[in-house]
């Protein structure tokens, strides 16, 4: 997968790894996870541990074993897919990687039970590498989509995912909307990152709810890429370097809004957050060739909103760099051609702070984590 090594180069902080971290029985350096929730904080510490091992390059490519003590839960689908990417990068770099884990699946993370991580738990390196790039199973669909794929790949993805979901009992209209959304995100991923991406979707088994009658399933979608361009970086360069034609009124207004927002920036609401949100606006694109022609769209948010209306619960966000943009209900109406991301529905004002989050782990690139719980 292109640029996957950025996992480490963009997270240079190292943990001091001592001889006591080496387990003579496993003949490997061991990283133990004892928390009940495996989240971004754990990923950050894990990467620091690996960086400490990589620093011992005079000892060659050292074996690494990840041991999870007791039962635990992955925070969400994206979290365990990032862990998969870390393991894939290590193996590609020549390290021997093994895992001992027994995760407790939830309706949002049940896909981990068919994750390539299980191949590593069985010491099946070739199976891990094969399934990292492609999975087509009853309740799990994954595909690595190279940046040089033909444009037809987007229609293929739409059709494949719609068919996959229909086989899992999702009605035709919703299945097609999920397919469209996945294809839209892959297209956006290629545009903003100029890199390969992974699309992964799973359907959970049927669950009950403690406080409601009926049956529920989880439909969980992740699209992830690694790139030196974070989401919004291309648009930031275009606006700040004035690559936009002066007669392009949409971008001229965006530049004026940006100058106004400079008065609002602080440690939480940063310039990078602004350009991430700006890149989600109607008829705005990060690509220079598209920007000068005023091409863009709000397809992603429309599709997410349409699926949210059919969902019992949802948790949807975009993750890029150290920042998270949450797609929260009632905060992204289109008003006068702009999405405010605030209760005032006014893009000239700062976004609602509840949509902005941070992470200890720097994801160089862009990922979408979209979880929908649907009553059936």
Protein backbone atom coordinates (compact mmCIF):
# COMPACT_ATOMS: atom_id res chain seq x y z
CA UNK A 1 0.00 0.00 0.00
CA UNK A 2 1.46 3.30 -1.12
CA UNK A 3 2.87 5.62 1.60
CA UNK A 4 2.04 3.24 4.45
CA UNK A 5 5.49 3.92 5.94
CA UNK A 6 4.21 7.42 6.85
CA UNK A 7 2.68 5.73 9.90
CA UNK A 8 6.14 5.89 11.44
CA UNK A 9 7.85 8.82 9.72
CA UNK A 10 5.02 11.16 10.79
CA UNK A 11 5.09 9.82 14.37
CA UNK A 12 8.80 10.09 15.19
CA UNK A 13 8.55 10.07 18.99
CA UNK A 14 10.36 7.04 20.44
CA UNK A 15 9.95 4.99 23.58
CA UNK A 16 13.13 3.71 25.22
CA UNK A 17 13.03 -0.05 24.65
CA UNK A 18 15.14 -2.01 27.15
CA UNK A 19 16.36 -5.58 27.27
CA UNK A 20 13.55 -6.51 29.66
CA UNK A 21 11.11 -5.91 26.78
CA UNK A 22 12.69 -8.88 24.99
CA UNK A 23 11.01 -12.20 25.73
CA UNK A 24 13.37 -15.13 25.33
CA UNK A 25 10.49 -17.62 25.07
CA UNK A 26 8.91 -15.85 22.08
CA UNK A 27 12.30 -14.64 20.84
CA UNK A 28 10.72 -11.26 20.21
CA UNK A 29 10.27 -7.80 21.68
CA UNK A 30 6.88 -7.82 23.39
CA UNK A 31 4.36 -4.98 23.62
CA UNK A 32 1.65 -5.75 26.17
CA UNK A 33 -1.80 -4.20 26.00
CA UNK A 34 -3.69 -4.35 29.29
CA UNK A 35 -6.36 -1.68 28.75
CA UNK A 36 -10.03 -2.55 28.29
CA UNK A 37 -10.33 -0.21 25.29
CA UNK A 38 -7.81 -0.21 22.44
CA UNK A 39 -7.93 3.37 21.13
CA UNK A 40 -5.79 6.15 19.65
CA UNK A 41 -3.82 6.57 22.88
CA UNK A 42 -2.79 2.90 22.79
CA UNK A 43 -1.90 3.17 19.09
CA UNK A 44 0.31 6.18 19.84
CA UNK A 45 2.17 4.28 22.60
CA UNK A 46 2.46 1.21 20.39
CA UNK A 47 4.02 3.25 17.57
CA UNK A 48 6.45 4.86 20.03
CA UNK A 49 7.45 1.36 21.17
CA UNK A 50 8.04 0.28 17.56
CA UNK A 51 10.08 3.42 16.90
CA UNK A 52 12.26 2.47 19.86
CA UNK A 53 12.85 -0.96 18.33
CA UNK A 54 13.57 0.51 14.90
CA UNK A 55 16.23 2.68 16.54
CA UNK A 56 18.14 -0.51 17.34
CA UNK A 57 18.83 -0.97 13.61
CA UNK A 58 22.29 -2.38 14.34
CA UNK A 59 20.51 -5.50 15.57
CA UNK A 60 18.62 -6.09 12.30
CA UNK A 61 14.88 -6.47 11.78
CA UNK A 62 13.79 -7.53 15.26
CA UNK A 63 10.72 -9.76 15.80
CA UNK A 64 7.77 -8.07 17.51
CA UNK A 65 4.91 -9.68 19.40
CA UNK A 66 1.74 -7.92 20.56
CA UNK A 67 0.09 -9.52 23.59
CA UNK A 68 -3.38 -8.40 24.69
CA UNK A 69 -4.02 -9.32 28.32
CA UNK A 70 -7.58 -10.44 29.03
CA UNK A 71 -10.69 -9.28 27.25
CA UNK A 72 -10.72 -5.90 25.54
CA UNK A 73 -12.65 -3.97 22.90
CA UNK A 74 -11.40 -1.97 19.95
CA UNK A 75 -12.72 1.59 20.15
CA UNK A 76 -14.16 1.32 16.64
CA UNK A 77 -13.58 -0.25 13.24
CA UNK A 78 -11.01 2.32 12.12
CA UNK A 79 -8.88 1.64 15.21
CA UNK A 80 -8.30 -2.01 14.40
CA UNK A 81 -7.76 -1.26 10.71
CA UNK A 82 -5.00 1.22 11.63
CA UNK A 83 -3.49 -1.57 13.76
CA UNK A 84 -3.66 -3.85 10.70
CA UNK A 85 -1.82 -1.18 8.69
CA UNK A 86 0.90 -0.93 11.35
CA UNK A 87 1.42 -4.70 11.22
CA UNK A 88 1.43 -4.70 7.40
CA UNK A 89 4.08 -1.96 7.32
CA UNK A 90 6.26 -3.86 9.81
CA UNK A 91 6.04 -7.08 7.80
CA UNK A 92 6.84 -5.25 4.57
CA UNK A 93 9.88 -3.79 6.32
CA UNK A 94 11.14 -7.27 7.19
CA UNK A 95 9.96 -7.68 10.79
CA UNK A 96 8.40 -10.90 12.00
CA UNK A 97 5.10 -9.98 13.67
CA UNK A 98 2.86 -12.13 15.87
CA UNK A 99 -0.25 -11.42 17.93
CA UNK A 100 -2.04 -12.97 20.90
CA UNK A 101 -5.49 -11.46 21.36
CA UNK A 102 -9.13 -12.24 22.11
CA UNK A 103 -11.12 -9.08 21.35
CA UNK A 104 -14.71 -8.70 22.52
CA UNK A 105 -16.69 -7.71 19.43
CA UNK A 106 -19.49 -5.15 19.55
CA UNK A 107 -22.09 -4.31 16.93
CA UNK A 108 -19.65 -1.63 15.69
CA UNK A 109 -16.52 -3.80 15.70
CA UNK A 110 -17.75 -7.27 14.85
CA UNK A 111 -15.74 -7.09 11.63
CA UNK A 112 -12.60 -7.72 13.67
CA UNK A 113 -13.65 -11.37 13.85
CA UNK A 114 -12.79 -11.66 10.15
CA UNK A 115 -9.84 -9.26 10.27
CA UNK A 116 -6.45 -10.18 8.75
CA UNK A 117 -5.16 -9.77 12.32
CA UNK A 118 -6.49 -13.25 13.01
CA UNK A 119 -4.12 -14.61 10.37
CA UNK A 120 -1.22 -13.17 12.37
CA UNK A 121 -2.61 -14.79 15.51
CA UNK A 122 -2.34 -18.09 13.60
CA UNK A 123 1.18 -17.24 12.36
CA UNK A 124 -0.16 -17.09 8.80
CA UNK A 125 1.85 -14.23 7.27
CA UNK A 126 0.93 -14.97 3.64
CA UNK A 127 -2.75 -15.14 4.55
CA UNK A 128 -2.47 -11.83 6.38
CA UNK A 129 -0.86 -10.09 3.39
CA UNK A 130 -3.39 -11.54 0.96
CA UNK A 131 -6.44 -10.63 3.05
CA UNK A 132 -5.04 -7.19 3.85
CA UNK A 133 -5.61 -6.27 0.19
CA UNK A 134 -8.80 -8.16 -0.62
CA UNK A 135 -11.62 -9.85 1.29
CA UNK A 136 -14.91 -11.02 -0.20
CA UNK A 137 -16.80 -13.01 2.42
CA UNK A 138 -20.40 -13.39 3.50
CA UNK A 139 -20.37 -10.46 5.94
CA UNK A 140 -17.12 -8.71 5.02
CA UNK A 141 -15.98 -6.86 1.88
CA UNK A 142 -12.59 -5.21 1.46
CA UNK A 143 -10.63 -3.91 -1.47
CA UNK A 144 -7.32 -2.10 -1.86
CA UNK A 145 -7.87 0.49 -4.60
CA UNK A 146 -4.61 1.73 -6.17
CA UNK A 147 -4.32 5.38 -7.19
CA UNK A 148 -3.75 4.34 -10.81
CA UNK A 149 -7.04 2.41 -11.01
CA UNK A 150 -9.25 3.10 -14.01
CA UNK A 151 -12.16 5.47 -13.42
CA UNK A 152 -14.56 2.54 -13.89
CA UNK A 153 -13.47 1.22 -10.49
CA UNK A 154 -15.93 3.60 -8.79
CA UNK A 155 -18.95 2.10 -10.58
CA UNK A 156 -17.57 -1.39 -9.88
CA UNK A 157 -17.32 -0.57 -6.16
CA UNK A 158 -20.86 0.83 -6.11
CA UNK A 159 -22.22 -2.34 -7.70
CA UNK A 160 -20.08 -4.74 -5.64
CA UNK A 161 -20.98 -3.19 -2.29
CA UNK A 162 -24.67 -2.83 -3.15
CA UNK A 163 -24.80 -6.52 -4.10
CA UNK A 164 -22.87 -7.48 -0.94
CA UNK A 165 -25.33 -5.61 1.28
CA UNK A 166 -28.41 -6.96 -0.50
CA UNK A 167 -27.14 -10.48 0.18
CA UNK A 168 -27.08 -9.47 3.86
CA UNK A 169 -30.73 -8.42 3.88
CA UNK A 170 -30.30 -4.66 3.31
CA UNK A 171 -33.02 -3.24 1.06
CA UNK A 172 -32.07 -2.30 -2.49
CA UNK A 173 -32.28 1.48 -2.06
CA UNK A 174 -30.13 1.58 1.09
CA UNK A 175 -27.66 -0.94 -0.33
CA UNK A 176 -27.15 1.21 -3.41
CA UNK A 177 -26.72 4.35 -1.27
CA UNK A 178 -23.99 2.62 0.74
CA UNK A 179 -22.32 1.60 -2.52
CA UNK A 180 -22.50 5.18 -3.78
CA UNK A 181 -21.10 6.50 -0.51
CA UNK A 182 -18.17 4.08 -0.53
CA UNK A 183 -17.35 4.96 -4.16
CA UNK A 184 -17.65 8.68 -3.41
CA UNK A 185 -15.22 8.37 -0.50
CA UNK A 186 -12.73 6.39 -2.60
CA UNK A 187 -12.92 9.06 -5.31
CA UNK A 188 -12.39 11.80 -2.71
CA UNK A 189 -9.55 9.82 -1.18
CA UNK A 190 -7.73 9.57 -4.50
CA UNK A 191 -8.33 13.26 -5.24
CA UNK A 192 -7.06 14.60 -1.94
CA UNK A 193 -4.28 12.10 -1.24
CA UNK A 194 -2.97 11.05 -4.66
CA UNK A 195 -2.43 7.67 -3.01
CA UNK A 196 -3.87 4.16 -2.71
CA UNK A 197 -6.77 3.56 -0.35
CA UNK A 198 -8.55 0.69 1.35
CA UNK A 199 -12.35 0.41 1.46
CA UNK A 200 -13.68 -2.03 4.08
CA UNK A 201 -17.31 -2.70 4.98
CA UNK A 202 -18.84 -5.32 7.24
CA UNK A 203 -22.32 -6.26 8.39
CA UNK A 204 -22.73 -7.45 11.97
CA UNK A 205 -24.85 -10.33 13.18
CA UNK A 206 -28.32 -9.52 14.50
CA UNK A 207 -28.36 -7.83 17.93
CA UNK A 208 -31.07 -6.90 20.42
CA UNK A 209 -31.32 -3.64 22.37
CA UNK A 210 -31.68 -3.37 26.15
CA UNK A 211 -34.04 -0.39 25.92
CA UNK A 212 -35.97 -1.11 22.73
CA UNK A 213 -37.72 -4.02 21.08
CA UNK A 214 -36.71 -5.30 17.68
CA UNK A 215 -33.62 -6.54 15.93
CA UNK A 216 -30.61 -4.48 14.92
CA UNK A 217 -27.56 -4.84 12.68
CA UNK A 218 -24.45 -2.70 12.33
CA UNK A 219 -23.16 -1.61 8.92
CA UNK A 220 -19.61 -0.35 9.40
CA UNK A 221 -17.58 1.34 6.68
CA UNK A 222 -13.96 2.55 6.66
CA UNK A 223 -12.02 4.20 3.85
CA UNK A 224 -8.37 4.99 4.61
CA UNK A 225 -5.30 6.26 2.77
CA UNK A 226 -1.79 7.35 3.73
CA UNK A 227 -0.39 10.48 2.13
CA UNK A 228 1.77 13.53 2.74
CA UNK A 229 -1.43 15.47 1.95
CA UNK A 230 -3.92 15.59 4.78
CA UNK A 231 -7.55 16.35 4.01
CA UNK A 232 -7.77 20.06 3.23
CA UNK A 233 -4.07 20.60 2.47
CA UNK A 234 -4.53 21.05 -1.28
CA UNK A 235 -7.30 23.59 -0.81
CA UNK A 236 -5.18 25.44 1.77
CA UNK A 237 -2.32 25.72 -0.72
CA UNK A 238 -4.65 26.95 -3.46
CA UNK A 239 -6.29 29.60 -1.28
CA UNK A 240 -3.14 30.81 0.49
CA UNK A 241 -1.10 30.90 -2.73
CA UNK A 242 -3.99 32.48 -4.67
CA UNK A 243 -4.04 29.80 -7.37
CA UNK A 244 -7.74 30.52 -7.92
CA UNK A 245 -8.92 32.67 -10.80
CA UNK A 246 -10.24 36.03 -9.55
CA UNK A 247 -13.50 35.58 -11.49
CA UNK A 248 -14.33 32.38 -9.58
CA UNK A 249 -16.90 33.85 -7.20
CA UNK A 250 -17.29 30.75 -5.01
CA UNK A 251 -13.57 30.65 -4.19
CA UNK A 252 -13.38 34.41 -3.87
CA UNK A 253 -16.06 34.22 -1.18
CA UNK A 254 -14.24 31.30 0.47
CA UNK A 255 -11.07 33.40 0.66
CA UNK A 256 -13.05 36.19 2.34
CA UNK A 257 -14.56 33.71 4.83
CA UNK A 258 -11.10 32.32 5.55
CA UNK A 259 -9.73 35.79 6.35
CA UNK A 260 -12.66 36.32 8.73
CA UNK A 261 -12.05 32.96 10.44
CA UNK A 262 -8.43 33.85 11.13
CA UNK A 263 -9.82 35.82 14.07
CA UNK A 264 -11.39 32.65 15.50
CA UNK A 265 -8.44 30.24 15.30
CA UNK A 266 -7.12 28.83 18.57
CA UNK A 267 -5.58 25.59 19.87
CA UNK A 268 -8.75 23.61 19.09
CA UNK A 269 -10.19 25.36 16.06
CA UNK A 270 -7.09 25.59 13.90
CA UNK A 271 -6.38 26.67 10.35
CA UNK A 272 -6.14 23.01 9.34
CA UNK A 273 -9.60 22.30 10.78
CA UNK A 274 -11.00 25.21 8.75
CA UNK A 275 -9.62 23.85 5.49
CA UNK A 276 -10.87 20.34 6.28
CA UNK A 277 -14.37 21.74 6.75
CA UNK A 278 -13.98 24.00 3.72
CA UNK A 279 -13.09 20.97 1.58
CA UNK A 280 -16.48 19.46 2.45
CA UNK A 281 -18.37 22.50 1.15
CA UNK A 282 -20.63 22.40 -1.94
CA UNK A 283 -18.79 23.03 -5.22
CA UNK A 284 -15.38 23.17 -3.54
CA UNK A 285 -12.49 20.91 -4.49
CA UNK A 286 -8.89 20.71 -3.34
CA UNK A 287 -7.57 19.89 -6.78
CA UNK A 288 -6.14 22.89 -8.63
CA UNK A 289 -7.49 21.74 -11.99
CA UNK A 290 -10.94 21.31 -10.51
CA UNK A 291 -10.75 24.42 -8.37
CA UNK A 292 -10.11 26.80 -11.24
CA UNK A 293 -13.17 25.43 -13.01
CA UNK A 294 -15.34 25.61 -9.92
CA UNK A 295 -16.08 21.88 -9.83
CA UNK A 296 -16.96 20.22 -6.54
CA UNK A 297 -19.89 18.83 -4.63
CA UNK A 298 -21.59 17.92 -1.40
CA UNK A 299 -22.23 14.29 -2.35
CA UNK A 300 -20.48 12.80 0.68
CA UNK A 301 -22.53 14.65 3.28
CA UNK A 302 -25.79 14.16 1.38
CA UNK A 303 -25.23 10.43 1.21
CA UNK A 304 -24.23 10.22 4.88
CA UNK A 305 -27.30 12.24 5.84
CA UNK A 306 -29.61 10.02 3.78
CA UNK A 307 -28.26 6.92 5.51
CA UNK A 308 -28.42 8.52 8.94
CA UNK A 309 -32.14 9.18 8.46
CA UNK A 310 -32.64 5.43 8.04
CA UNK A 311 -30.46 4.54 11.03
CA UNK A 312 -31.39 3.94 14.65
CA UNK A 313 -27.98 5.25 15.77
CA UNK A 314 -24.80 6.29 13.99
CA UNK A 315 -21.24 7.44 14.62
CA UNK A 316 -19.53 9.07 11.66
CA UNK A 317 -16.29 11.03 11.47
CA UNK A 318 -13.35 12.05 9.31
CA UNK A 319 -9.82 11.65 10.69
CA UNK A 320 -6.80 13.40 9.21
CA UNK A 321 -3.49 14.34 10.83
CA UNK A 322 -4.16 14.78 14.54
CA UNK A 323 -7.69 16.04 14.05
CA UNK A 324 -11.15 14.49 13.92
CA UNK A 325 -14.21 16.09 12.30
CA UNK A 326 -17.44 14.51 13.51
CA UNK A 327 -20.54 14.53 11.32
CA UNK A 328 -23.11 15.41 13.97
CA UNK A 329 -26.84 15.65 13.50
CA UNK A 330 -28.42 19.04 12.71
CA UNK A 331 -25.07 20.77 12.16
CA UNK A 332 -24.55 20.60 8.43
CA UNK A 333 -27.51 22.17 6.67
CA UNK A 334 -26.77 23.92 3.38
CA UNK A 335 -27.63 27.60 3.80
CA UNK A 336 -26.89 30.12 1.02
CA UNK A 337 -24.55 27.65 -0.67
CA UNK A 338 -22.47 26.89 2.46
CA UNK A 339 -22.55 24.39 5.32
CA UNK A 340 -22.14 26.10 8.68
CA UNK A 341 -21.27 23.08 10.85
CA UNK A 342 -22.89 25.08 13.63
CA UNK A 343 -26.36 25.70 15.07
CA UNK A 344 -26.49 29.11 13.41
CA UNK A 345 -26.14 27.42 9.97
CA UNK A 346 -23.62 30.15 9.11
CA UNK A 347 -20.21 29.26 7.65
CA UNK A 348 -19.00 32.78 8.43
CA UNK A 349 -19.11 31.82 12.11
CA UNK A 350 -16.91 29.22 13.85
CA UNK A 351 -18.06 25.58 13.77
CA UNK A 352 -19.66 23.99 16.80
CA UNK A 353 -16.80 22.82 19.00
CA UNK A 354 -18.51 19.45 19.50
CA UNK A 355 -17.56 18.39 15.95
CA UNK A 356 -13.81 18.90 16.52
CA UNK A 357 -11.69 16.25 18.18
CA UNK A 358 -8.03 15.35 18.46
CA UNK A 359 -5.86 12.26 18.58
CA UNK A 360 -2.49 11.34 20.05
CA UNK A 361 -1.70 9.42 16.84
CA UNK A 362 -0.90 11.42 13.69
CA UNK A 363 -2.66 9.84 10.72
CA UNK A 364 -0.78 11.16 7.70
CA UNK A 365 -3.56 10.94 5.14
CA UNK A 366 -7.32 10.65 5.56
CA UNK A 367 -9.74 8.11 6.97
CA UNK A 368 -13.51 7.93 7.26
CA UNK A 369 -15.11 5.83 9.99
CA UNK A 370 -18.85 5.46 9.41
CA UNK A 371 -20.95 3.27 11.72
CA UNK A 372 -24.70 2.84 11.23
CA UNK A 373 -26.99 0.78 13.46
CA UNK A 374 -30.12 -0.15 11.54
CA UNK A 375 -33.35 -1.61 12.90
CA UNK A 376 -34.55 -4.53 10.80
